[in-house]
Amino acid sequence: MGSQRLYDYIDNNPSVLFKSCTFTNDPYTIGKNNKFVSVNATLEVDLTGQCASETVGHTQWSGTGGQSETVQGAQMSPGGKSIIAMHSTYTTKDESGKEVLHSKIVPFLKEGSVVTTSRNDTDYVVTEYGIAWLRGLNVSRRVEALINIAHPDFREELRRQAEINRIW
């Protein structure tokens, strides 16, 4: 990864600190940085704050990258913040080719989804409709905060599903 010119430049260069990802992605290393901000994306988040950032159901979309490590490191960092940024919706096409809008904030993750960031580690979730600060909130307050940043077309149904399934 990288050219010989790059390696020649960093070799014995006192202005460059070159470390492996086992060092740089270690949450304890990250936590030593003041006000570290972790910004990650997710594919889907449930009403309690669990984030599926690698899969949707059984379908693999990506790897974790360093999401879990940077999320935890940011929480250990003095003044740090962990942000999950996402669009509130996605579209698919139905059988006739018409676009169908879906919420990425859901009552439950799809069966088979991998939880990349647990609800206990999810700090801020940001959509185009606002910010939900989840750290320290109980389940009912998490549900309400996430519904408030969902696309307006889906809020009533999310509330209904939360009630039916006793999520709050």
N, C-alpha and C. Protein backbone atom coordinates (compact mmCIF):
# COMPACT_ATOMS: atom_id res chain seq x y z
N MET A 1 0.85 -1.17 0.00
CA MET A 1 0.00 0.00 0.00
C MET A 1 0.90 1.23 0.00
N GLY A 2 0.89 1.93 -1.08
CA GLY A 2 1.72 3.11 -1.21
C GLY A 2 2.92 2.83 -2.10
N SER A 3 3.54 3.89 -2.53
CA SER A 3 4.68 3.77 -3.45
C SER A 3 5.99 3.68 -2.68
N GLN A 4 7.04 3.32 -3.40
CA GLN A 4 8.38 3.30 -2.80
C GLN A 4 8.77 4.70 -2.36
N ARG A 5 8.35 5.69 -3.14
CA ARG A 5 8.63 7.09 -2.79
C ARG A 5 8.03 7.44 -1.42
N LEU A 6 6.81 6.98 -1.17
CA LEU A 6 6.17 7.21 0.12
C LEU A 6 6.97 6.56 1.24
N TYR A 7 7.34 5.29 1.05
CA TYR A 7 8.09 4.58 2.08
C TYR A 7 9.46 5.22 2.32
N ASP A 8 10.10 5.69 1.27
CA ASP A 8 11.39 6.38 1.43
C ASP A 8 11.21 7.66 2.24
N TYR A 9 10.10 8.36 2.01
CA TYR A 9 9.83 9.61 2.72
C TYR A 9 9.62 9.37 4.21
N ILE A 10 8.86 8.33 4.57
CA ILE A 10 8.55 8.12 5.99
C ILE A 10 9.65 7.39 6.75
N ASP A 11 10.54 6.69 6.03
CA ASP A 11 11.62 5.93 6.67
C ASP A 11 12.54 6.87 7.43
N ASN A 12 12.63 6.68 8.73
CA ASN A 12 13.48 7.48 9.62
C ASN A 12 13.16 8.96 9.59
N ASN A 13 11.94 9.33 9.22
CA ASN A 13 11.51 10.73 9.19
C ASN A 13 10.93 11.07 10.57
N PRO A 14 11.58 11.96 11.33
CA PRO A 14 11.11 12.26 12.68
C PRO A 14 9.76 12.98 12.72
N SER A 15 9.32 13.52 11.58
CA SER A 15 8.02 14.22 11.57
C SER A 15 6.85 13.28 11.26
N VAL A 16 7.16 12.00 11.05
CA VAL A 16 6.11 11.03 10.73
C VAL A 16 6.12 9.91 11.76
N LEU A 17 4.95 9.66 12.33
CA LEU A 17 4.79 8.52 13.22
C LEU A 17 3.95 7.50 12.46
N PHE A 18 4.54 6.38 12.12
CA PHE A 18 3.89 5.35 11.32
C PHE A 18 3.68 4.13 12.20
N LYS A 19 2.41 3.81 12.47
CA LYS A 19 2.08 2.69 13.35
C LYS A 19 1.07 1.78 12.66
N SER A 20 1.00 0.56 13.12
CA SER A 20 0.04 -0.40 12.57
C SER A 20 -1.36 -0.06 13.08
N CYS A 21 -2.37 -0.62 12.42
CA CYS A 21 -3.75 -0.36 12.85
C CYS A 21 -4.05 -1.00 14.20
N THR A 22 -3.29 -2.00 14.61
CA THR A 22 -3.52 -2.57 15.94
C THR A 22 -3.17 -1.56 17.04
N PHE A 23 -2.33 -0.60 16.71
CA PHE A 23 -2.02 0.50 17.63
C PHE A 23 -2.99 1.66 17.44
N THR A 24 -3.12 2.14 16.19
CA THR A 24 -3.93 3.34 15.93
C THR A 24 -5.41 3.12 16.19
N ASN A 25 -5.92 1.90 16.00
CA ASN A 25 -7.33 1.64 16.20
C ASN A 25 -7.65 1.07 17.58
N ASP A 26 -6.68 1.01 18.44
CA ASP A 26 -6.92 0.54 19.80
C ASP A 26 -7.73 1.61 20.55
N PRO A 27 -8.89 1.26 21.10
CA PRO A 27 -9.70 2.26 21.81
C PRO A 27 -8.95 2.99 22.91
N TYR A 28 -8.02 2.30 23.57
CA TYR A 28 -7.26 2.96 24.64
C TYR A 28 -6.28 3.98 24.08
N THR A 29 -5.71 3.71 22.92
CA THR A 29 -4.85 4.69 22.25
C THR A 29 -5.69 5.89 21.82
N ILE A 30 -6.82 5.62 21.20
CA ILE A 30 -7.71 6.70 20.75
C ILE A 30 -8.16 7.54 21.93
N GLY A 31 -8.49 6.89 23.04
CA GLY A 31 -8.98 7.58 24.22
C GLY A 31 -7.98 8.53 24.86
N LYS A 32 -6.71 8.40 24.51
CA LYS A 32 -5.68 9.30 25.05
C LYS A 32 -5.71 10.68 24.37
N ASN A 33 -6.43 10.78 23.26
CA ASN A 33 -6.55 12.05 22.54
C ASN A 33 -7.70 12.86 23.13
N ASN A 34 -7.44 14.10 23.47
CA ASN A 34 -8.48 14.98 24.00
C ASN A 34 -9.48 15.33 22.90
N LYS A 35 -10.75 15.33 23.28
CA LYS A 35 -11.85 15.75 22.40
C LYS A 35 -11.86 15.00 21.06
N PHE A 36 -11.55 13.72 21.10
CA PHE A 36 -11.57 12.91 19.88
C PHE A 36 -13.01 12.75 19.42
N VAL A 37 -13.27 13.02 18.15
CA VAL A 37 -14.60 12.87 17.57
C VAL A 37 -14.57 11.75 16.55
N SER A 38 -15.41 10.78 16.76
CA SER A 38 -15.57 9.65 15.85
C SER A 38 -16.82 9.89 15.03
N VAL A 39 -16.70 9.88 13.69
CA VAL A 39 -17.86 10.03 12.81
C VAL A 39 -17.93 8.78 11.94
N ASN A 40 -19.02 8.05 12.07
CA ASN A 40 -19.23 6.82 11.31
C ASN A 40 -20.61 6.83 10.70
N ALA A 41 -20.81 5.98 9.73
CA ALA A 41 -22.12 5.83 9.09
C ALA A 41 -22.71 4.47 9.47
N THR A 42 -24.00 4.35 9.30
CA THR A 42 -24.67 3.07 9.52
C THR A 42 -25.71 2.85 8.44
N LEU A 43 -26.04 1.61 8.21
CA LEU A 43 -27.05 1.27 7.22
C LEU A 43 -28.46 1.31 7.82
N GLU A 44 -28.55 0.97 9.11
CA GLU A 44 -29.84 0.89 9.77
C GLU A 44 -29.63 1.01 11.28
N VAL A 45 -30.55 1.67 11.95
CA VAL A 45 -30.50 1.77 13.41
C VAL A 45 -31.89 1.43 13.95
N ASP A 46 -31.93 0.63 15.02
CA ASP A 46 -33.23 0.30 15.59
C ASP A 46 -33.60 1.33 16.66
N LEU A 47 -34.81 1.24 17.16
CA LEU A 47 -35.32 2.25 18.08
C LEU A 47 -34.64 2.27 19.44
N THR A 48 -33.78 1.30 19.73
CA THR A 48 -33.02 1.35 20.98
C THR A 48 -31.62 1.91 20.76
N GLY A 49 -31.20 2.04 19.49
CA GLY A 49 -29.90 2.61 19.17
C GLY A 49 -28.88 1.62 18.64
N GLN A 50 -29.27 0.36 18.44
CA GLN A 50 -28.33 -0.60 17.84
C GLN A 50 -28.09 -0.22 16.38
N CYS A 51 -26.83 -0.25 15.97
CA CYS A 51 -26.48 0.13 14.60
C CYS A 51 -25.96 -1.08 13.82
N ALA A 52 -26.57 -1.32 12.67
CA ALA A 52 -26.10 -2.35 11.74
C ALA A 52 -25.38 -1.62 10.61
N SER A 53 -24.07 -1.62 10.66
CA SER A 53 -23.27 -0.85 9.70
C SER A 53 -22.58 -1.73 8.66
N GLU A 54 -22.71 -3.04 8.80
CA GLU A 54 -22.05 -3.97 7.88
C GLU A 54 -23.03 -4.74 7.01
N THR A 55 -24.19 -5.03 7.55
CA THR A 55 -25.16 -5.87 6.85
C THR A 55 -26.55 -5.26 6.92
N VAL A 56 -27.37 -5.67 5.98
CA VAL A 56 -28.81 -5.46 6.08
C VAL A 56 -29.39 -6.86 5.98
N GLY A 57 -29.93 -7.34 7.07
CA GLY A 57 -30.34 -8.73 7.12
C GLY A 57 -29.11 -9.60 6.93
N HIS A 58 -29.24 -10.59 6.08
CA HIS A 58 -28.12 -11.51 5.84
C HIS A 58 -27.18 -11.02 4.75
N THR A 59 -27.47 -9.87 4.15
CA THR A 59 -26.65 -9.35 3.05
C THR A 59 -25.51 -8.49 3.57
N GLN A 60 -24.29 -8.89 3.26
CA GLN A 60 -23.10 -8.15 3.67
C GLN A 60 -22.90 -6.97 2.73
N TRP A 61 -22.75 -5.76 3.29
CA TRP A 61 -22.51 -4.56 2.49
C TRP A 61 -21.10 -4.03 2.65
N SER A 62 -20.55 -4.18 3.84
CA SER A 62 -19.19 -3.67 4.08
C SER A 62 -18.61 -4.37 5.31
N GLY A 63 -17.38 -4.00 5.64
CA GLY A 63 -16.77 -4.48 6.87
C GLY A 63 -16.92 -3.42 7.94
N THR A 64 -16.47 -3.73 9.14
CA THR A 64 -16.62 -2.77 10.24
C THR A 64 -15.68 -1.59 10.12
N GLY A 65 -14.57 -1.79 9.40
CA GLY A 65 -13.56 -0.74 9.42
C GLY A 65 -13.10 -0.60 10.85
N GLY A 66 -13.05 0.59 11.35
CA GLY A 66 -12.67 0.81 12.75
C GLY A 66 -13.82 1.36 13.56
N GLN A 67 -15.06 1.13 13.13
CA GLN A 67 -16.20 1.76 13.80
C GLN A 67 -16.26 1.44 15.29
N SER A 68 -16.24 0.18 15.66
CA SER A 68 -16.40 -0.12 17.08
C SER A 68 -15.26 0.45 17.90
N GLU A 69 -14.04 0.40 17.36
CA GLU A 69 -12.88 0.93 18.10
C GLU A 69 -12.93 2.45 18.25
N THR A 70 -13.30 3.16 17.16
CA THR A 70 -13.33 4.63 17.26
C THR A 70 -14.50 5.11 18.11
N VAL A 71 -15.62 4.38 18.08
CA VAL A 71 -16.76 4.72 18.93
C VAL A 71 -16.35 4.60 20.40
N GLN A 72 -15.76 3.48 20.76
CA GLN A 72 -15.35 3.28 22.16
C GLN A 72 -14.23 4.24 22.55
N GLY A 73 -13.28 4.45 21.65
CA GLY A 73 -12.18 5.37 21.93
C GLY A 73 -12.67 6.78 22.17
N ALA A 74 -13.64 7.24 21.38
CA ALA A 74 -14.20 8.58 21.54
C ALA A 74 -14.86 8.73 22.90
N GLN A 75 -15.51 7.67 23.36
CA GLN A 75 -16.15 7.73 24.67
C GLN A 75 -15.14 7.75 25.81
N MET A 76 -13.95 7.19 25.58
CA MET A 76 -12.89 7.22 26.60
C MET A 76 -12.11 8.53 26.56
N SER A 77 -12.20 9.24 25.46
CA SER A 77 -11.46 10.48 25.28
C SER A 77 -12.07 11.60 26.11
N PRO A 78 -11.25 12.35 26.87
CA PRO A 78 -11.79 13.49 27.61
C PRO A 78 -12.45 14.48 26.65
N GLY A 79 -13.74 14.70 26.81
CA GLY A 79 -14.48 15.61 25.93
C GLY A 79 -14.81 15.02 24.57
N GLY A 80 -14.58 13.72 24.39
CA GLY A 80 -14.81 13.08 23.10
C GLY A 80 -16.28 12.85 22.80
N LYS A 81 -16.56 12.64 21.52
CA LYS A 81 -17.93 12.38 21.06
C LYS A 81 -17.89 11.33 19.98
N SER A 82 -18.91 10.49 19.96
CA SER A 82 -19.08 9.51 18.91
C SER A 82 -20.37 9.83 18.15
N ILE A 83 -20.26 10.01 16.85
CA ILE A 83 -21.39 10.40 16.02
C ILE A 83 -21.64 9.33 14.97
N ILE A 84 -22.89 8.89 14.88
CA ILE A 84 -23.34 8.02 13.80
C ILE A 84 -24.16 8.92 12.88
N ALA A 85 -23.69 9.09 11.65
CA ALA A 85 -24.36 9.96 10.68
C ALA A 85 -25.00 9.11 9.60
N MET A 86 -26.24 9.45 9.25
CA MET A 86 -26.95 8.65 8.26
C MET A 86 -28.09 9.45 7.63
N HIS A 87 -28.45 9.07 6.42
CA HIS A 87 -29.70 9.56 5.84
C HIS A 87 -30.82 8.83 6.55
N SER A 88 -31.95 9.47 6.70
CA SER A 88 -33.07 8.83 7.40
C SER A 88 -33.80 7.81 6.54
N THR A 89 -33.59 7.84 5.23
CA THR A 89 -34.32 6.95 4.33
C THR A 89 -33.42 6.39 3.24
N TYR A 90 -33.95 5.41 2.55
CA TYR A 90 -33.36 4.90 1.32
C TYR A 90 -34.52 4.51 0.40
N THR A 91 -34.24 4.36 -0.89
CA THR A 91 -35.29 4.00 -1.83
C THR A 91 -34.95 2.69 -2.54
N THR A 92 -36.00 1.97 -2.87
CA THR A 92 -35.89 0.80 -3.73
C THR A 92 -36.93 0.98 -4.84
N LYS A 93 -36.91 0.08 -5.79
CA LYS A 93 -37.94 0.11 -6.83
C LYS A 93 -38.82 -1.12 -6.69
N ASP A 94 -40.13 -0.91 -6.84
CA ASP A 94 -41.05 -2.04 -6.78
C ASP A 94 -41.08 -2.75 -8.13
N GLU A 95 -41.95 -3.73 -8.26
CA GLU A 95 -42.01 -4.54 -9.47
C GLU A 95 -42.33 -3.74 -10.73
N SER A 96 -43.05 -2.63 -10.53
CA SER A 96 -43.40 -1.80 -11.69
C SER A 96 -42.35 -0.73 -11.99
N GLY A 97 -41.29 -0.68 -11.19
CA GLY A 97 -40.23 0.31 -11.40
C GLY A 97 -40.43 1.60 -10.63
N LYS A 98 -41.49 1.67 -9.86
CA LYS A 98 -41.77 2.87 -9.06
C LYS A 98 -40.89 2.88 -7.82
N GLU A 99 -40.33 4.06 -7.50
CA GLU A 99 -39.49 4.18 -6.30
C GLU A 99 -40.33 4.11 -5.03
N VAL A 100 -39.83 3.36 -4.05
CA VAL A 100 -40.49 3.19 -2.77
C VAL A 100 -39.53 3.67 -1.68
N LEU A 101 -40.00 4.56 -0.83
CA LEU A 101 -39.20 5.12 0.25
C LEU A 101 -39.28 4.22 1.49
N HIS A 102 -38.13 3.99 2.13
CA HIS A 102 -38.06 3.17 3.35
C HIS A 102 -37.30 3.94 4.42
N SER A 103 -37.65 3.71 5.67
CA SER A 103 -36.95 4.32 6.79
C SER A 103 -35.71 3.50 7.15
N LYS A 104 -34.62 4.19 7.48
CA LYS A 104 -33.43 3.52 7.99
C LYS A 104 -33.45 3.45 9.52
N ILE A 105 -34.42 4.14 10.12
CA ILE A 105 -34.68 4.00 11.56
C ILE A 105 -35.86 3.06 11.66
N VAL A 106 -35.64 1.92 12.31
CA VAL A 106 -36.62 0.84 12.29
C VAL A 106 -36.89 0.34 13.71
N PRO A 107 -38.06 -0.28 13.92
CA PRO A 107 -38.33 -0.83 15.25
C PRO A 107 -37.31 -1.88 15.65
N PHE A 108 -36.97 -2.78 14.71
CA PHE A 108 -36.01 -3.85 14.95
C PHE A 108 -35.11 -3.97 13.72
N LEU A 109 -33.85 -4.29 13.93
CA LEU A 109 -32.98 -4.58 12.81
C LEU A 109 -33.51 -5.80 12.08
N LYS A 110 -33.27 -5.84 10.78
CA LYS A 110 -33.71 -7.00 10.01
C LYS A 110 -33.05 -8.27 10.53
N GLU A 111 -33.80 -9.37 10.48
CA GLU A 111 -33.27 -10.66 10.92
C GLU A 111 -31.97 -10.96 10.18
N GLY A 112 -30.95 -11.34 10.93
CA GLY A 112 -29.65 -11.66 10.36
C GLY A 112 -28.68 -10.49 10.34
N SER A 113 -29.15 -9.30 10.66
CA SER A 113 -28.25 -8.14 10.67
C SER A 113 -27.20 -8.28 11.76
N VAL A 114 -26.01 -7.81 11.46
CA VAL A 114 -24.91 -7.79 12.42
C VAL A 114 -24.94 -6.45 13.15
N VAL A 115 -24.92 -6.48 14.47
CA VAL A 115 -24.86 -5.25 15.25
C VAL A 115 -23.40 -4.82 15.32
N THR A 116 -23.09 -3.71 14.66
CA THR A 116 -21.73 -3.18 14.64
C THR A 116 -21.47 -2.35 15.89
N THR A 117 -22.44 -1.50 16.24
CA THR A 117 -22.33 -0.66 17.43
C THR A 117 -23.54 -0.95 18.31
N SER A 118 -23.27 -1.41 19.52
CA SER A 118 -24.36 -1.75 20.43
C SER A 118 -25.08 -0.48 20.90
N ARG A 119 -26.28 -0.65 21.38
CA ARG A 119 -27.04 0.51 21.86
C ARG A 119 -26.34 1.17 23.04
N ASN A 120 -25.56 0.40 23.79
CA ASN A 120 -24.84 0.98 24.93
C ASN A 120 -23.68 1.86 24.50
N ASP A 121 -23.21 1.68 23.28
CA ASP A 121 -22.09 2.48 22.79
C ASP A 121 -22.51 3.60 21.84
N THR A 122 -23.79 3.62 21.43
CA THR A 122 -24.24 4.66 20.52
C THR A 122 -24.46 5.95 21.29
N ASP A 123 -23.78 6.98 20.87
CA ASP A 123 -23.79 8.27 21.55
C ASP A 123 -24.74 9.23 20.83
N TYR A 124 -24.31 9.79 19.71
CA TYR A 124 -25.14 10.68 18.90
C TYR A 124 -25.52 9.98 17.60
N VAL A 125 -26.78 10.14 17.19
CA VAL A 125 -27.22 9.72 15.86
C VAL A 125 -27.72 10.98 15.17
N VAL A 126 -27.22 11.21 13.95
CA VAL A 126 -27.56 12.43 13.21
C VAL A 126 -28.17 12.06 11.87
N THR A 127 -29.33 12.66 11.57
CA THR A 127 -29.93 12.56 10.24
C THR A 127 -30.19 13.98 9.75
N GLU A 128 -30.75 14.09 8.56
CA GLU A 128 -31.10 15.42 8.04
C GLU A 128 -32.23 16.08 8.84
N TYR A 129 -32.83 15.33 9.79
CA TYR A 129 -33.92 15.87 10.61
C TYR A 129 -33.49 16.22 12.03
N GLY A 130 -32.22 16.06 12.34
CA GLY A 130 -31.77 16.47 13.65
C GLY A 130 -30.77 15.52 14.28
N ILE A 131 -30.61 15.72 15.58
CA ILE A 131 -29.62 14.98 16.37
C ILE A 131 -30.33 14.30 17.54
N ALA A 132 -30.05 13.01 17.71
CA ALA A 132 -30.54 12.27 18.88
C ALA A 132 -29.33 11.98 19.75
N TRP A 133 -29.31 12.53 20.95
CA TRP A 133 -28.23 12.25 21.88
C TRP A 133 -28.71 11.14 22.80
N LEU A 134 -28.15 9.94 22.64
CA LEU A 134 -28.65 8.75 23.31
C LEU A 134 -27.90 8.38 24.59
N ARG A 135 -26.71 8.90 24.76
CA ARG A 135 -25.91 8.50 25.92
C ARG A 135 -26.66 8.73 27.22
N GLY A 136 -26.79 7.67 27.99
CA GLY A 136 -27.41 7.76 29.31
C GLY A 136 -28.93 7.74 29.31
N LEU A 137 -29.56 7.69 28.13
CA LEU A 137 -31.02 7.69 28.10
C LEU A 137 -31.57 6.28 28.32
N ASN A 138 -32.73 6.21 28.97
CA ASN A 138 -33.41 4.92 29.09
C ASN A 138 -34.05 4.58 27.74
N VAL A 139 -34.60 3.39 27.62
CA VAL A 139 -35.13 2.92 26.33
C VAL A 139 -36.25 3.83 25.82
N SER A 140 -37.18 4.22 26.66
CA SER A 140 -38.29 5.03 26.17
C SER A 140 -37.81 6.38 25.64
N ARG A 141 -36.84 6.97 26.27
CA ARG A 141 -36.31 8.25 25.78
C ARG A 141 -35.49 8.07 24.50
N ARG A 142 -34.80 6.94 24.39
CA ARG A 142 -34.07 6.63 23.15
C ARG A 142 -35.04 6.52 21.98
N VAL A 143 -36.13 5.77 22.21
CA VAL A 143 -37.15 5.57 21.18
C VAL A 143 -37.66 6.92 20.70
N GLU A 144 -38.03 7.77 21.62
CA GLU A 144 -38.58 9.09 21.26
C GLU A 144 -37.54 9.94 20.53
N ALA A 145 -36.31 9.93 21.01
CA ALA A 145 -35.26 10.73 20.36
C ALA A 145 -35.01 10.27 18.93
N LEU A 146 -35.01 8.96 18.70
CA LEU A 146 -34.77 8.45 17.35
C LEU A 146 -35.98 8.68 16.45
N ILE A 147 -37.18 8.54 16.97
CA ILE A 147 -38.37 8.84 16.15
C ILE A 147 -38.36 10.31 15.72
N ASN A 148 -37.91 11.18 16.60
CA ASN A 148 -37.88 12.61 16.29
C ASN A 148 -36.93 12.97 15.15
N ILE A 149 -35.94 12.11 14.86
CA ILE A 149 -35.02 12.41 13.75
C ILE A 149 -35.27 11.52 12.54
N ALA A 150 -36.34 10.72 12.61
CA ALA A 150 -36.74 9.90 11.46
C ALA A 150 -37.45 10.79 10.44
N HIS A 151 -37.55 10.32 9.22
CA HIS A 151 -38.31 11.04 8.20
C HIS A 151 -39.75 11.19 8.70
N PRO A 152 -40.35 12.38 8.56
CA PRO A 152 -41.71 12.61 9.07
C PRO A 152 -42.75 11.60 8.58
N ASP A 153 -42.59 11.07 7.38
CA ASP A 153 -43.55 10.10 6.85
C ASP A 153 -43.58 8.79 7.64
N PHE A 154 -42.54 8.52 8.43
CA PHE A 154 -42.45 7.25 9.14
C PHE A 154 -42.63 7.36 10.65
N ARG A 155 -42.72 8.56 11.17
CA ARG A 155 -42.77 8.74 12.62
C ARG A 155 -43.99 8.10 13.27
N GLU A 156 -45.15 8.28 12.69
CA GLU A 156 -46.36 7.72 13.29
C GLU A 156 -46.29 6.19 13.33
N GLU A 157 -45.83 5.57 12.25
CA GLU A 157 -45.72 4.12 12.21
C GLU A 157 -44.66 3.62 13.20
N LEU A 158 -43.57 4.34 13.34
CA LEU A 158 -42.54 3.95 14.32
C LEU A 158 -43.11 4.01 15.74
N ARG A 159 -43.89 5.05 16.04
CA ARG A 159 -44.53 5.13 17.36
C ARG A 159 -45.49 3.97 17.56
N ARG A 160 -46.27 3.66 16.54
CA ARG A 160 -47.23 2.56 16.62
C ARG A 160 -46.51 1.23 16.86
N GLN A 161 -45.42 1.01 16.14
CA GLN A 161 -44.66 -0.23 16.30
C GLN A 161 -44.00 -0.30 17.69
N ALA A 162 -43.53 0.83 18.17
CA ALA A 162 -42.94 0.87 19.52
C ALA A 162 -43.98 0.49 20.57
N GLU A 163 -45.20 0.97 20.39
CA GLU A 163 -46.30 0.65 21.30
C GLU A 163 -46.68 -0.82 21.21
N ILE A 164 -46.93 -1.31 19.99
CA ILE A 164 -47.33 -2.70 19.78
C ILE A 164 -46.30 -3.68 20.34
N ASN A 165 -45.03 -3.38 20.11
CA ASN A 165 -43.95 -4.28 20.52
C ASN A 165 -43.39 -3.97 21.90
N ARG A 166 -44.00 -3.01 22.57
CA ARG A 166 -43.59 -2.62 23.93
C ARG A 166 -42.10 -2.29 24.02
N ILE A 167 -41.65 -1.60 22.99
CA ILE A 167 -40.23 -1.20 22.99
C ILE A 167 -40.00 -0.12 24.05
N TRP A 168 -41.02 0.66 24.33
CA TRP A 168 -40.89 1.65 25.39
C TRP A 168 -41.86 1.36 26.46
